[in-house]
């Protein structure tokens, strides 16, 4: 886990906050991180699956003009390519400092109670989404010597100790760390 103090040393470099479908910058830790980095002087590209959501609107109202909210569905190749173009078009002189893959969905915890679609959705959002976004942004990251930060939850690990029916890919972000 990266502490807030680690980020404090890097402002005002550019930063992109990418997120997946449900728990993106519209709420939770993604929302708090976007606000914090904006306050620290970062240029933040805050992606949301639904840029008109209450959380996205809150970011627009409560943050400076350095924070830009845009749409990104990490499960959709076309949406990811549009996001890359949006960032390219709006990058200023400082370059791309990082992408943060944050968020995911919580489905498929218990084998008997979950559908196959729950497992497919979980894999698509929690594993393939970060890989898709990271791959698309690699040219910008390489150009500016940026980094990738993958955030995940230990929910899958901690719950697997409680119930033997947990599946291994509930925390698929770990192999990318």
Protein backbone atom coordinates (compact mmCIF):
# COMPACT_ATOMS: atom_id res chain seq x y z
CA UNK A 1 0.00 0.00 0.00
CA UNK A 2 1.24 3.48 -0.80
CA UNK A 3 0.85 6.09 1.88
CA UNK A 4 -0.32 9.61 1.17
CA UNK A 5 3.09 10.96 2.17
CA UNK A 6 4.72 9.14 -0.74
CA UNK A 7 2.62 11.18 -3.16
CA UNK A 8 3.36 14.48 -1.42
CA UNK A 9 6.92 14.54 -2.75
CA UNK A 10 5.92 14.39 -6.41
CA UNK A 11 3.56 17.32 -6.96
CA UNK A 12 3.13 19.08 -9.37
CA UNK A 13 3.85 16.28 -11.83
CA UNK A 14 0.95 15.08 -13.90
CA UNK A 15 -1.10 12.17 -12.76
CA UNK A 16 -3.89 10.14 -14.24
CA UNK A 17 -6.43 8.48 -12.08
CA UNK A 18 -7.90 5.58 -13.95
CA UNK A 19 -10.49 3.31 -12.59
CA UNK A 20 -12.75 0.54 -13.60
CA UNK A 21 -16.45 0.15 -13.51
CA UNK A 22 -18.07 0.35 -10.12
CA UNK A 23 -15.76 1.64 -7.44
CA UNK A 24 -13.95 4.22 -9.53
CA UNK A 25 -13.35 7.88 -8.84
CA UNK A 26 -17.06 8.40 -8.36
CA UNK A 27 -16.88 7.06 -4.81
CA UNK A 28 -14.73 5.42 -2.18
CA UNK A 29 -10.96 5.52 -2.09
CA UNK A 30 -10.72 6.52 -5.76
CA UNK A 31 -12.78 9.64 -5.07
CA UNK A 32 -10.75 10.47 -1.96
CA UNK A 33 -7.46 9.90 -3.78
CA UNK A 34 -8.47 12.15 -6.68
CA UNK A 35 -9.41 14.94 -4.25
CA UNK A 36 -6.22 14.52 -2.23
CA UNK A 37 -3.94 14.62 -5.26
CA UNK A 38 -5.78 17.64 -6.63
CA UNK A 39 -5.18 19.44 -3.32
CA UNK A 40 -1.50 18.51 -3.54
CA UNK A 41 -1.19 20.22 -6.92
CA UNK A 42 -1.38 17.27 -9.28
CA UNK A 43 -3.17 17.47 -12.60
CA UNK A 44 -5.70 14.67 -12.17
CA UNK A 45 -7.56 12.87 -14.94
CA UNK A 46 -10.38 11.26 -12.98
CA UNK A 47 -12.12 8.55 -14.94
CA UNK A 48 -15.59 7.28 -14.16
CA UNK A 49 -17.74 4.75 -15.89
CA UNK A 50 -20.55 7.29 -15.58
CA UNK A 51 -19.16 10.85 -15.61
CA UNK A 52 -22.61 12.19 -14.67
CA UNK A 53 -22.79 10.21 -11.43
CA UNK A 54 -23.18 12.11 -8.13
CA UNK A 55 -19.58 11.31 -7.18
CA UNK A 56 -18.23 12.61 -10.48
CA UNK A 57 -20.29 15.78 -10.11
CA UNK A 58 -18.93 16.17 -6.57
CA UNK A 59 -15.38 16.00 -7.93
CA UNK A 60 -16.14 18.72 -10.47
CA UNK A 61 -17.64 20.98 -7.80
CA UNK A 62 -15.14 20.41 -5.00
CA UNK A 63 -11.84 20.29 -6.90
CA UNK A 64 -9.75 22.77 -8.85
CA UNK A 65 -9.57 23.08 -12.62
CA UNK A 66 -6.52 20.76 -12.51
CA UNK A 67 -8.92 17.83 -12.06
CA UNK A 68 -10.74 16.68 -15.19
CA UNK A 69 -13.48 14.06 -15.08
CA UNK A 70 -13.98 11.88 -18.14
CA UNK A 71 -15.65 8.62 -19.08
CA UNK A 72 -13.79 5.32 -19.06
CA UNK A 73 -15.24 1.84 -19.14
CA UNK A 74 -12.19 -0.38 -18.70
CA UNK A 75 -14.07 -3.36 -20.11
CA UNK A 76 -14.52 -1.65 -23.49
CA UNK A 77 -11.60 -1.24 -25.93
CA UNK A 78 -13.17 1.74 -27.70
CA UNK A 79 -13.76 3.55 -24.40
CA UNK A 80 -10.15 2.93 -23.36
CA UNK A 81 -8.83 4.31 -26.67
CA UNK A 82 -11.01 7.41 -26.29
CA UNK A 83 -9.60 7.86 -22.79
CA UNK A 84 -6.03 7.66 -24.08
CA UNK A 85 -6.82 10.29 -26.71
CA UNK A 86 -8.51 12.51 -24.10
CA UNK A 87 -5.42 12.37 -21.90
CA UNK A 88 -3.08 13.03 -24.85
CA UNK A 89 -5.18 16.01 -25.90
CA UNK A 90 -5.21 17.45 -22.37
CA UNK A 91 -1.71 16.70 -21.10
CA UNK A 92 0.20 19.81 -20.34
CA UNK A 93 3.95 20.21 -20.40
CA UNK A 94 4.67 18.00 -17.40
CA UNK A 95 3.83 14.61 -18.91
CA UNK A 96 2.12 11.57 -17.48
CA UNK A 97 3.39 10.66 -14.01
CA UNK A 98 1.27 7.59 -13.29
CA UNK A 99 -1.88 5.65 -13.89
CA UNK A 100 -3.69 4.20 -10.94
CA UNK A 101 -5.88 1.21 -11.63
CA UNK A 102 -8.41 1.39 -8.83
CA UNK A 103 -11.71 -0.31 -8.31
CA UNK A 104 -13.47 -3.44 -9.20
CA UNK A 105 -16.57 -5.40 -8.55
CA UNK A 106 -17.41 -7.80 -5.78
CA UNK A 107 -19.14 -10.74 -7.37
CA UNK A 108 -18.57 -14.45 -7.29
CA UNK A 109 -17.62 -14.80 -3.65
CA UNK A 110 -19.39 -18.08 -2.98
CA UNK A 111 -19.43 -20.72 -5.66
CA UNK A 112 -22.86 -22.13 -4.82
CA UNK A 113 -24.55 -18.73 -4.73
CA UNK A 114 -22.88 -17.13 -7.75
CA UNK A 115 -23.63 -17.42 -11.43
CA UNK A 116 -21.00 -18.08 -14.07
CA UNK A 117 -21.70 -14.56 -15.33
CA UNK A 118 -20.70 -13.18 -11.90
CA UNK A 119 -17.31 -14.86 -12.29
CA UNK A 120 -16.93 -13.64 -15.88
CA UNK A 121 -17.81 -10.07 -14.85
CA UNK A 122 -15.37 -10.22 -11.95
CA UNK A 123 -12.56 -11.45 -14.17
CA UNK A 124 -13.32 -8.89 -16.89
CA UNK A 125 -13.39 -5.93 -14.51
CA UNK A 126 -10.82 -6.89 -11.89
CA UNK A 127 -8.14 -8.53 -14.05
CA UNK A 128 -8.61 -7.72 -17.72
CA UNK A 129 -9.66 -4.10 -17.13
CA UNK A 130 -6.39 -3.03 -15.48
CA UNK A 131 -4.39 -4.95 -18.10
CA UNK A 132 -6.34 -3.31 -20.95
CA UNK A 133 -5.93 0.21 -19.52
CA UNK A 134 -2.26 -0.24 -18.68
CA UNK A 135 -1.43 -1.62 -22.12
CA UNK A 136 -3.20 1.29 -23.82
CA UNK A 137 -1.32 3.89 -21.76
CA UNK A 138 2.13 2.27 -22.06
CA UNK A 139 3.37 4.61 -24.82
CA UNK A 140 2.60 7.68 -22.69
CA UNK A 141 4.06 6.06 -19.60
CA UNK A 142 7.27 5.20 -21.42
CA UNK A 143 7.57 8.65 -22.95
CA UNK A 144 7.45 10.34 -19.55
CA UNK A 145 8.96 7.53 -17.45
CA UNK A 146 5.67 7.09 -15.66
CA UNK A 147 4.56 4.31 -13.41
CA UNK A 148 1.60 2.00 -12.89
CA UNK A 149 -0.05 1.68 -9.50
CA UNK A 150 -2.54 -1.15 -9.10
CA UNK A 151 -4.88 -0.93 -6.17
CA UNK A 152 -6.82 -3.96 -5.10
CA UNK A 153 -8.72 -5.23 -2.14
CA UNK A 154 -7.73 -7.92 0.29
CA UNK A 155 -11.41 -8.88 0.51
CA UNK A 156 -10.84 -11.94 -1.65
CA UNK A 157 -7.91 -13.09 0.44
CA UNK A 158 -9.46 -12.49 3.82
CA UNK A 159 -12.79 -14.06 2.91
CA UNK A 160 -11.11 -17.13 1.47
CA UNK A 161 -9.97 -17.98 4.97
CA UNK A 162 -13.59 -17.94 6.12
CA UNK A 163 -15.11 -19.92 3.28
CA UNK A 164 -13.38 -22.62 1.24
CA UNK A 165 -15.70 -21.94 -1.72
CA UNK A 166 -13.85 -18.72 -2.63
CA UNK A 167 -12.25 -18.59 -6.04
CA UNK A 168 -8.67 -17.53 -6.66
CA UNK A 169 -9.38 -14.67 -9.06
CA UNK A 170 -11.33 -12.60 -6.59
CA UNK A 171 -8.07 -10.65 -6.08
CA UNK A 172 -6.55 -10.94 -9.56
CA UNK A 173 -4.71 -7.64 -9.32
CA UNK A 174 -2.01 -9.25 -7.16
CA UNK A 175 -0.10 -10.83 -10.08
CA UNK A 176 0.27 -7.38 -11.64
CA UNK A 177 1.96 -5.86 -8.57
